N, C-alpha and C. Protein backbone atom coordinates (compact mmCIF):
# COMPACT_ATOMS: atom_id res chain seq x y z
N UNK A 1 33.90 23.24 26.68
CA UNK A 1 32.76 23.71 25.90
C UNK A 1 32.76 23.11 24.50
N UNK A 2 33.94 23.07 23.87
CA UNK A 2 34.01 22.53 22.52
C UNK A 2 33.72 21.02 22.50
N UNK A 3 34.06 20.32 23.60
CA UNK A 3 33.76 18.89 23.68
C UNK A 3 32.25 18.66 23.71
N UNK A 4 31.56 19.50 24.41
CA UNK A 4 30.09 19.38 24.49
C UNK A 4 29.48 19.65 23.12
N UNK A 5 29.98 20.65 22.43
CA UNK A 5 29.48 20.97 21.10
C UNK A 5 29.72 19.81 20.13
N UNK A 6 30.89 19.20 20.17
CA UNK A 6 31.20 18.06 19.32
C UNK A 6 30.29 16.89 19.66
N UNK A 7 30.05 16.64 20.93
CA UNK A 7 29.17 15.56 21.36
C UNK A 7 27.75 15.79 20.86
N UNK A 8 27.26 17.01 20.96
CA UNK A 8 25.91 17.35 20.48
C UNK A 8 25.81 17.13 18.97
N UNK A 9 26.80 17.55 18.23
CA UNK A 9 26.80 17.37 16.77
C UNK A 9 26.80 15.89 16.41
N UNK A 10 27.60 15.09 17.10
CA UNK A 10 27.63 13.64 16.83
C UNK A 10 26.27 13.01 17.10
N UNK A 11 25.65 13.38 18.21
CA UNK A 11 24.33 12.83 18.54
C UNK A 11 23.28 13.22 17.51
N UNK A 12 23.35 14.44 17.04
CA UNK A 12 22.39 14.90 16.02
C UNK A 12 22.60 14.13 14.72
N UNK A 13 23.84 13.96 14.30
CA UNK A 13 24.13 13.25 13.06
C UNK A 13 23.72 11.78 13.13
N UNK A 14 23.83 11.16 14.28
CA UNK A 14 23.41 9.77 14.42
C UNK A 14 21.91 9.63 14.23
N UNK A 15 21.17 10.63 14.63
CA UNK A 15 19.71 10.60 14.48
C UNK A 15 19.25 10.90 13.07
N UNK A 16 20.14 11.35 12.19
CA UNK A 16 19.75 11.73 10.83
C UNK A 16 19.88 10.59 9.83
N UNK A 17 20.29 9.43 10.26
CA UNK A 17 20.49 8.31 9.34
C UNK A 17 19.18 7.73 8.85
N UNK A 18 19.29 6.83 7.90
CA UNK A 18 18.13 6.13 7.33
C UNK A 18 17.50 5.25 8.40
N UNK A 19 16.19 5.24 8.46
CA UNK A 19 15.48 4.43 9.43
C UNK A 19 15.71 2.94 9.15
N UNK A 20 15.90 2.18 10.22
CA UNK A 20 16.08 0.74 10.08
C UNK A 20 14.76 -0.01 10.15
N UNK A 21 13.67 0.70 10.37
CA UNK A 21 12.35 0.07 10.43
C UNK A 21 11.97 -0.43 9.04
N UNK A 22 11.34 -1.61 8.94
CA UNK A 22 10.95 -2.15 7.63
C UNK A 22 10.01 -1.24 6.86
N UNK A 23 9.23 -0.45 7.56
CA UNK A 23 8.26 0.42 6.91
C UNK A 23 8.66 1.88 7.02
N UNK A 24 9.95 2.16 7.10
CA UNK A 24 10.40 3.53 7.23
C UNK A 24 10.05 4.07 8.60
N UNK A 25 9.47 5.25 8.64
CA UNK A 25 9.13 5.88 9.91
C UNK A 25 7.89 5.27 10.55
N UNK A 26 7.10 4.55 9.77
CA UNK A 26 5.90 3.92 10.32
C UNK A 26 6.34 2.82 11.28
N UNK A 27 5.94 2.92 12.50
CA UNK A 27 6.36 1.96 13.52
C UNK A 27 5.50 0.70 13.50
N UNK A 28 4.31 0.80 12.93
CA UNK A 28 3.41 -0.35 12.89
C UNK A 28 3.65 -1.14 11.62
N UNK A 29 3.82 -2.41 11.78
CA UNK A 29 3.87 -3.31 10.63
C UNK A 29 3.59 -4.71 11.14
N UNK A 30 3.30 -5.61 10.24
CA UNK A 30 3.10 -7.00 10.65
C UNK A 30 3.66 -7.91 9.57
N UNK A 31 3.86 -9.15 9.94
CA UNK A 31 4.43 -10.12 9.00
C UNK A 31 3.50 -11.32 8.87
N UNK A 32 3.36 -11.80 7.65
CA UNK A 32 2.65 -13.04 7.37
C UNK A 32 3.55 -13.84 6.44
N UNK A 33 3.88 -15.05 6.84
CA UNK A 33 4.76 -15.92 6.03
C UNK A 33 6.03 -15.19 5.58
N UNK A 34 6.67 -14.50 6.49
CA UNK A 34 7.93 -13.78 6.24
C UNK A 34 7.80 -12.62 5.27
N UNK A 35 6.59 -12.13 5.05
CA UNK A 35 6.38 -10.93 4.23
C UNK A 35 6.00 -9.79 5.17
N UNK A 36 6.78 -8.72 5.16
CA UNK A 36 6.49 -7.56 6.00
C UNK A 36 5.48 -6.68 5.29
N UNK A 37 4.38 -6.39 5.98
CA UNK A 37 3.30 -5.58 5.41
C UNK A 37 3.22 -4.28 6.19
N UNK A 38 3.26 -3.16 5.46
CA UNK A 38 3.21 -1.83 6.07
C UNK A 38 1.80 -1.25 5.94
N UNK A 39 1.04 -1.16 7.03
CA UNK A 39 -0.26 -0.49 6.94
C UNK A 39 -0.01 1.01 6.74
N UNK A 40 -0.62 1.58 5.74
CA UNK A 40 -0.37 2.99 5.43
C UNK A 40 -1.65 3.62 4.89
N UNK A 41 -1.81 4.91 5.13
CA UNK A 41 -2.99 5.61 4.61
C UNK A 41 -2.76 6.01 3.15
N UNK A 42 -3.84 6.17 2.44
CA UNK A 42 -3.76 6.63 1.05
C UNK A 42 -3.07 8.00 1.00
N UNK A 43 -3.33 8.83 1.98
CA UNK A 43 -2.72 10.16 2.03
C UNK A 43 -1.20 10.06 2.07
N UNK A 44 -0.67 9.18 2.92
CA UNK A 44 0.78 9.02 3.00
C UNK A 44 1.38 8.45 1.72
N UNK A 45 0.68 7.52 1.08
CA UNK A 45 1.19 6.96 -0.18
C UNK A 45 1.29 8.03 -1.26
N UNK A 46 0.29 8.88 -1.33
CA UNK A 46 0.27 9.92 -2.37
C UNK A 46 1.24 11.06 -2.04
N UNK A 47 1.31 11.44 -0.76
CA UNK A 47 2.14 12.58 -0.36
C UNK A 47 3.63 12.23 -0.30
N UNK A 48 3.96 11.01 0.12
CA UNK A 48 5.37 10.61 0.26
C UNK A 48 5.59 9.23 -0.38
N UNK A 49 5.40 9.14 -1.68
CA UNK A 49 5.50 7.83 -2.35
C UNK A 49 6.89 7.20 -2.25
N UNK A 50 7.93 8.01 -2.17
CA UNK A 50 9.29 7.47 -2.13
C UNK A 50 9.54 6.62 -0.88
N UNK A 51 8.80 6.87 0.19
CA UNK A 51 8.98 6.10 1.42
C UNK A 51 8.49 4.67 1.29
N UNK A 52 7.55 4.44 0.38
CA UNK A 52 6.91 3.13 0.29
C UNK A 52 7.15 2.42 -1.05
N UNK A 53 7.90 3.05 -1.93
CA UNK A 53 8.15 2.48 -3.26
C UNK A 53 8.79 1.10 -3.14
N UNK A 54 8.15 0.09 -3.74
CA UNK A 54 8.68 -1.26 -3.73
C UNK A 54 8.34 -2.06 -2.49
N UNK A 55 7.62 -1.46 -1.54
CA UNK A 55 7.28 -2.16 -0.30
C UNK A 55 5.87 -2.74 -0.39
N UNK A 56 5.64 -3.77 0.41
CA UNK A 56 4.30 -4.36 0.51
C UNK A 56 3.51 -3.51 1.49
N UNK A 57 2.39 -2.97 1.03
CA UNK A 57 1.57 -2.10 1.86
C UNK A 57 0.15 -2.64 1.97
N UNK A 58 -0.52 -2.20 3.02
CA UNK A 58 -1.94 -2.45 3.20
C UNK A 58 -2.60 -1.08 3.23
N UNK A 59 -3.56 -0.85 2.34
CA UNK A 59 -4.17 0.47 2.20
C UNK A 59 -5.67 0.32 1.96
N UNK A 60 -6.43 1.30 2.43
CA UNK A 60 -7.88 1.29 2.28
C UNK A 60 -8.32 2.44 1.39
N UNK A 61 -9.31 2.18 0.52
CA UNK A 61 -9.85 3.22 -0.34
C UNK A 61 -11.09 2.74 -1.06
N UNK A 62 -11.63 3.59 -1.92
CA UNK A 62 -12.82 3.25 -2.70
C UNK A 62 -12.36 2.66 -4.02
N UNK A 63 -12.77 1.43 -4.30
CA UNK A 63 -12.31 0.74 -5.50
C UNK A 63 -13.35 0.83 -6.61
N UNK A 64 -12.87 1.15 -7.81
CA UNK A 64 -13.74 1.20 -9.00
C UNK A 64 -13.04 0.50 -10.15
N UNK A 65 -13.82 -0.27 -10.89
CA UNK A 65 -13.29 -1.02 -12.02
C UNK A 65 -14.22 -0.82 -13.20
N UNK A 66 -13.66 -0.60 -14.37
CA UNK A 66 -14.47 -0.42 -15.57
C UNK A 66 -13.59 -0.33 -16.79
N UNK A 67 -14.13 0.25 -17.86
CA UNK A 67 -13.38 0.40 -19.10
C UNK A 67 -12.20 1.32 -18.85
N UNK A 68 -10.98 0.81 -19.07
CA UNK A 68 -9.74 1.56 -18.85
C UNK A 68 -9.65 2.14 -17.45
N UNK A 69 -10.19 1.41 -16.47
CA UNK A 69 -10.18 1.88 -15.09
C UNK A 69 -10.04 0.70 -14.14
N UNK A 70 -9.11 0.80 -13.23
CA UNK A 70 -8.95 -0.13 -12.11
C UNK A 70 -8.25 0.67 -11.03
N UNK A 71 -9.03 1.45 -10.27
CA UNK A 71 -8.43 2.40 -9.36
C UNK A 71 -8.90 2.28 -7.93
N UNK A 72 -7.97 2.54 -7.02
CA UNK A 72 -8.27 2.64 -5.60
C UNK A 72 -8.20 4.12 -5.26
N UNK A 73 -9.35 4.72 -4.96
CA UNK A 73 -9.46 6.16 -4.75
C UNK A 73 -9.48 6.49 -3.26
N UNK A 74 -8.97 7.66 -2.93
CA UNK A 74 -8.99 8.12 -1.54
C UNK A 74 -10.43 8.17 -1.04
N UNK A 75 -11.33 8.66 -1.85
CA UNK A 75 -12.74 8.80 -1.48
C UNK A 75 -13.60 8.58 -2.72
N UNK A 76 -14.82 8.17 -2.50
CA UNK A 76 -15.76 7.96 -3.61
C UNK A 76 -15.91 9.22 -4.45
N UNK A 77 -15.89 10.38 -3.81
CA UNK A 77 -16.04 11.65 -4.53
C UNK A 77 -14.90 11.87 -5.53
N UNK A 78 -13.71 11.38 -5.22
CA UNK A 78 -12.59 11.51 -6.16
C UNK A 78 -12.87 10.76 -7.45
N UNK A 79 -13.56 9.64 -7.37
CA UNK A 79 -13.97 8.91 -8.57
C UNK A 79 -15.00 9.73 -9.35
N UNK A 80 -15.98 10.27 -8.64
CA UNK A 80 -17.06 11.01 -9.28
C UNK A 80 -16.53 12.21 -10.06
N UNK A 81 -15.59 12.93 -9.47
CA UNK A 81 -15.05 14.12 -10.15
C UNK A 81 -13.81 13.79 -11.00
N UNK A 82 -13.50 12.51 -11.12
CA UNK A 82 -12.38 12.01 -11.93
C UNK A 82 -11.02 12.56 -11.49
N UNK A 83 -10.84 12.66 -10.18
CA UNK A 83 -9.58 13.12 -9.62
C UNK A 83 -8.65 11.92 -9.42
N UNK A 84 -7.90 11.59 -10.46
CA UNK A 84 -7.03 10.42 -10.39
C UNK A 84 -5.71 10.71 -9.67
N UNK A 85 -5.48 11.97 -9.33
CA UNK A 85 -4.30 12.29 -8.52
C UNK A 85 -4.44 11.69 -7.13
N UNK A 86 -5.69 11.53 -6.66
CA UNK A 86 -5.95 10.94 -5.36
C UNK A 86 -6.29 9.46 -5.49
N UNK A 87 -5.62 8.78 -6.39
CA UNK A 87 -5.93 7.36 -6.62
C UNK A 87 -4.69 6.59 -7.05
N UNK A 88 -4.76 5.28 -6.83
CA UNK A 88 -3.72 4.35 -7.27
C UNK A 88 -4.30 3.42 -8.31
N UNK A 89 -3.52 3.11 -9.32
CA UNK A 89 -3.91 2.11 -10.30
C UNK A 89 -3.74 0.75 -9.63
N UNK A 90 -4.71 -0.15 -9.82
CA UNK A 90 -4.66 -1.47 -9.19
C UNK A 90 -4.46 -2.54 -10.25
N UNK A 91 -3.39 -3.29 -10.11
CA UNK A 91 -3.07 -4.41 -10.99
C UNK A 91 -3.09 -5.70 -10.19
N UNK A 92 -3.40 -6.79 -10.85
CA UNK A 92 -3.24 -8.09 -10.22
C UNK A 92 -1.83 -8.56 -10.50
N UNK A 93 -1.16 -9.03 -9.47
CA UNK A 93 0.23 -9.44 -9.62
C UNK A 93 0.37 -10.57 -10.62
N UNK A 94 1.37 -10.44 -11.48
CA UNK A 94 1.68 -11.53 -12.41
C UNK A 94 2.80 -12.40 -11.84
N UNK A 95 3.35 -11.97 -10.71
CA UNK A 95 4.44 -12.69 -10.06
C UNK A 95 3.86 -13.73 -9.11
N UNK A 96 3.95 -15.00 -9.48
CA UNK A 96 3.38 -16.06 -8.65
C UNK A 96 3.97 -16.10 -7.25
N UNK A 97 5.21 -15.68 -7.09
CA UNK A 97 5.81 -15.71 -5.76
C UNK A 97 5.11 -14.73 -4.83
N UNK A 98 4.55 -13.65 -5.39
CA UNK A 98 3.79 -12.72 -4.56
C UNK A 98 2.44 -13.30 -4.18
N UNK A 99 1.79 -13.93 -5.13
CA UNK A 99 0.44 -14.43 -4.87
C UNK A 99 0.43 -15.69 -4.01
N UNK A 100 1.55 -16.36 -3.87
CA UNK A 100 1.59 -17.61 -3.12
C UNK A 100 1.97 -17.44 -1.65
N UNK A 101 2.11 -16.22 -1.17
CA UNK A 101 2.52 -16.02 0.22
C UNK A 101 1.36 -16.21 1.18
N UNK A 102 0.13 -16.24 0.69
CA UNK A 102 -1.05 -16.31 1.55
C UNK A 102 -1.11 -17.67 2.24
N UNK A 103 -1.43 -17.68 3.54
CA UNK A 103 -1.55 -18.94 4.26
C UNK A 103 -2.63 -19.84 3.66
N UNK A 104 -2.44 -21.13 3.77
CA UNK A 104 -3.39 -22.08 3.20
C UNK A 104 -4.66 -22.16 4.05
N UNK A 105 -5.72 -22.70 3.44
CA UNK A 105 -6.97 -22.90 4.17
C UNK A 105 -6.71 -23.81 5.36
N UNK A 106 -7.48 -23.60 6.41
CA UNK A 106 -7.29 -24.37 7.63
C UNK A 106 -6.32 -23.70 8.58
N UNK A 107 -5.72 -22.60 8.13
CA UNK A 107 -4.77 -21.88 8.98
C UNK A 107 -5.54 -20.91 9.86
N UNK A 108 -4.80 -20.20 10.68
CA UNK A 108 -5.39 -19.21 11.58
C UNK A 108 -6.14 -18.14 10.80
N UNK A 109 -5.71 -17.86 9.58
CA UNK A 109 -6.29 -16.77 8.78
C UNK A 109 -7.42 -17.21 7.87
N UNK A 110 -8.00 -18.38 8.11
CA UNK A 110 -9.05 -18.88 7.21
C UNK A 110 -10.25 -17.94 7.16
N UNK A 111 -10.64 -17.38 8.30
CA UNK A 111 -11.78 -16.46 8.32
C UNK A 111 -11.49 -15.23 7.46
N UNK A 112 -10.27 -14.70 7.58
CA UNK A 112 -9.87 -13.54 6.78
C UNK A 112 -9.89 -13.89 5.30
N UNK A 113 -9.35 -15.06 4.95
CA UNK A 113 -9.30 -15.47 3.55
C UNK A 113 -10.70 -15.60 2.95
N UNK A 114 -11.65 -16.08 3.74
CA UNK A 114 -13.01 -16.27 3.22
C UNK A 114 -13.71 -14.95 2.93
N UNK A 115 -13.22 -13.85 3.51
CA UNK A 115 -13.84 -12.55 3.29
C UNK A 115 -13.30 -11.79 2.08
N UNK A 116 -12.33 -12.34 1.40
CA UNK A 116 -11.74 -11.66 0.25
C UNK A 116 -12.62 -11.83 -0.99
N UNK A 117 -12.65 -10.80 -1.82
CA UNK A 117 -13.46 -10.85 -3.04
C UNK A 117 -12.61 -10.43 -4.23
N UNK A 118 -13.06 -10.82 -5.43
CA UNK A 118 -12.33 -10.47 -6.65
C UNK A 118 -12.48 -8.97 -6.94
N UNK A 119 -11.65 -8.47 -7.84
CA UNK A 119 -11.75 -7.05 -8.22
C UNK A 119 -13.12 -6.76 -8.82
N UNK A 120 -13.65 -7.71 -9.58
CA UNK A 120 -14.96 -7.52 -10.21
C UNK A 120 -16.05 -7.34 -9.15
N UNK A 121 -16.03 -8.18 -8.12
CA UNK A 121 -17.05 -8.11 -7.07
C UNK A 121 -16.84 -6.95 -6.11
N UNK A 122 -15.62 -6.43 -6.04
CA UNK A 122 -15.32 -5.35 -5.10
C UNK A 122 -15.65 -3.97 -5.66
N UNK A 123 -15.81 -3.85 -6.95
CA UNK A 123 -16.02 -2.55 -7.57
C UNK A 123 -17.22 -1.82 -6.97
N UNK A 124 -17.02 -0.53 -6.67
CA UNK A 124 -18.08 0.28 -6.10
C UNK A 124 -18.17 0.19 -4.59
N UNK A 125 -17.11 -0.29 -3.95
CA UNK A 125 -17.08 -0.44 -2.50
C UNK A 125 -15.76 0.06 -1.93
N UNK A 126 -15.80 0.37 -0.64
CA UNK A 126 -14.55 0.63 0.07
C UNK A 126 -13.91 -0.71 0.38
N UNK A 127 -12.61 -0.80 0.13
CA UNK A 127 -11.90 -2.06 0.30
C UNK A 127 -10.55 -1.83 1.00
N UNK A 128 -10.03 -2.90 1.52
CA UNK A 128 -8.66 -2.92 2.01
C UNK A 128 -7.87 -3.79 1.04
N UNK A 129 -6.70 -3.31 0.62
CA UNK A 129 -5.90 -4.02 -0.37
C UNK A 129 -4.48 -4.20 0.13
N UNK A 130 -3.89 -5.33 -0.21
CA UNK A 130 -2.49 -5.60 0.13
C UNK A 130 -1.74 -5.87 -1.17
N UNK A 131 -0.64 -5.15 -1.35
CA UNK A 131 0.14 -5.34 -2.56
C UNK A 131 1.44 -4.56 -2.53
N UNK A 132 2.20 -4.72 -3.59
CA UNK A 132 3.47 -4.00 -3.73
C UNK A 132 3.16 -2.63 -4.34
N UNK A 133 3.59 -1.57 -3.66
CA UNK A 133 3.36 -0.21 -4.13
C UNK A 133 4.50 0.21 -5.05
N UNK A 134 4.14 0.82 -6.18
CA UNK A 134 5.12 1.37 -7.12
C UNK A 134 4.81 2.87 -7.28
N UNK A 135 5.78 3.70 -6.94
CA UNK A 135 5.60 5.15 -7.03
C UNK A 135 5.69 5.61 -8.48
N UNK A 136 5.05 6.72 -8.78
CA UNK A 136 5.12 7.31 -10.11
C UNK A 136 3.84 7.15 -10.89
N UNK A 137 3.77 7.85 -12.01
CA UNK A 137 2.58 7.80 -12.87
C UNK A 137 2.30 6.37 -13.29
N UNK A 138 1.02 6.01 -13.25
CA UNK A 138 0.65 4.63 -13.57
C UNK A 138 -0.75 4.59 -14.16
N UNK A 139 -1.10 3.44 -14.68
CA UNK A 139 -2.46 3.24 -15.17
C UNK A 139 -2.68 3.83 -16.54
N UNK A 140 -3.95 3.91 -16.90
CA UNK A 140 -4.34 4.40 -18.22
C UNK A 140 -3.83 5.82 -18.43
N UNK A 141 -3.01 6.00 -19.43
CA UNK A 141 -2.40 7.28 -19.80
C UNK A 141 -1.56 7.88 -18.67
N UNK A 142 -1.11 7.05 -17.73
CA UNK A 142 -0.28 7.53 -16.62
C UNK A 142 -0.99 8.52 -15.72
N UNK A 143 -2.31 8.42 -15.63
CA UNK A 143 -3.11 9.42 -14.92
C UNK A 143 -3.18 9.20 -13.41
N UNK A 144 -2.69 8.07 -12.92
CA UNK A 144 -2.80 7.77 -11.49
C UNK A 144 -1.49 8.07 -10.78
N UNK A 145 -1.56 8.31 -9.46
CA UNK A 145 -0.40 8.72 -8.67
C UNK A 145 0.57 7.60 -8.32
N UNK A 146 0.20 6.38 -8.60
CA UNK A 146 1.05 5.23 -8.29
C UNK A 146 0.31 3.96 -8.66
N UNK A 147 0.94 2.83 -8.38
CA UNK A 147 0.35 1.55 -8.72
C UNK A 147 0.43 0.62 -7.53
N UNK A 148 -0.61 -0.18 -7.36
CA UNK A 148 -0.63 -1.21 -6.34
C UNK A 148 -0.78 -2.55 -7.05
N UNK A 149 0.26 -3.37 -6.94
CA UNK A 149 0.24 -4.70 -7.56
C UNK A 149 -0.28 -5.67 -6.50
N UNK A 150 -1.54 -6.07 -6.65
CA UNK A 150 -2.21 -6.88 -5.63
C UNK A 150 -1.53 -8.22 -5.40
N UNK A 151 -1.46 -8.60 -4.13
CA UNK A 151 -0.94 -9.91 -3.75
C UNK A 151 -2.08 -10.87 -3.43
N UNK A 152 -3.20 -10.33 -3.03
CA UNK A 152 -4.39 -11.14 -2.73
C UNK A 152 -5.60 -10.38 -3.24
N UNK A 153 -6.75 -11.04 -3.24
CA UNK A 153 -7.98 -10.35 -3.61
C UNK A 153 -8.29 -9.27 -2.58
N UNK A 154 -9.29 -8.47 -2.86
CA UNK A 154 -9.63 -7.33 -2.02
C UNK A 154 -10.55 -7.74 -0.87
N UNK A 155 -10.43 -7.01 0.25
CA UNK A 155 -11.28 -7.25 1.41
C UNK A 155 -12.26 -6.09 1.53
N UNK A 156 -13.55 -6.39 1.52
CA UNK A 156 -14.55 -5.34 1.67
C UNK A 156 -14.47 -4.75 3.07
N UNK A 157 -14.57 -3.42 3.16
CA UNK A 157 -14.57 -2.73 4.44
C UNK A 157 -16.01 -2.49 4.83
N UNK A 158 -16.39 -2.97 5.97
CA UNK A 158 -17.80 -2.84 6.41
C UNK A 158 -17.92 -1.92 7.59
């Protein structure tokens, strides 16, 4: 009986270790030019930021840009009522190594690349964004729930 109990405890403890998946518990991910990208919902980023801190994520939301504002909001209504807790601050990456991972024109992804737009042109639309997520207060006066350092321009969601 005690051997069975010890075996059960060992099996339970083995299952409690850190996930070896590149995106934590998220089983879906993809790679482009050796960069692992974790598709994640805005809800998961805001609710469990520690799981994605420092990782390259793909997330969709309502993008708004203006005076002291560059935010990806969970919903357009969050922008209207100024609920920045449901939003990420959006920065353009200053790290050239991040911005250079995109495949060149003429590659399989040329159609995808042609659909990307600048932050200026994306404002006021739902977009998909790929970038490095940083957990914690960010943006103007630290009012946002995290930061997304863009690796490429934004993709309009249609």
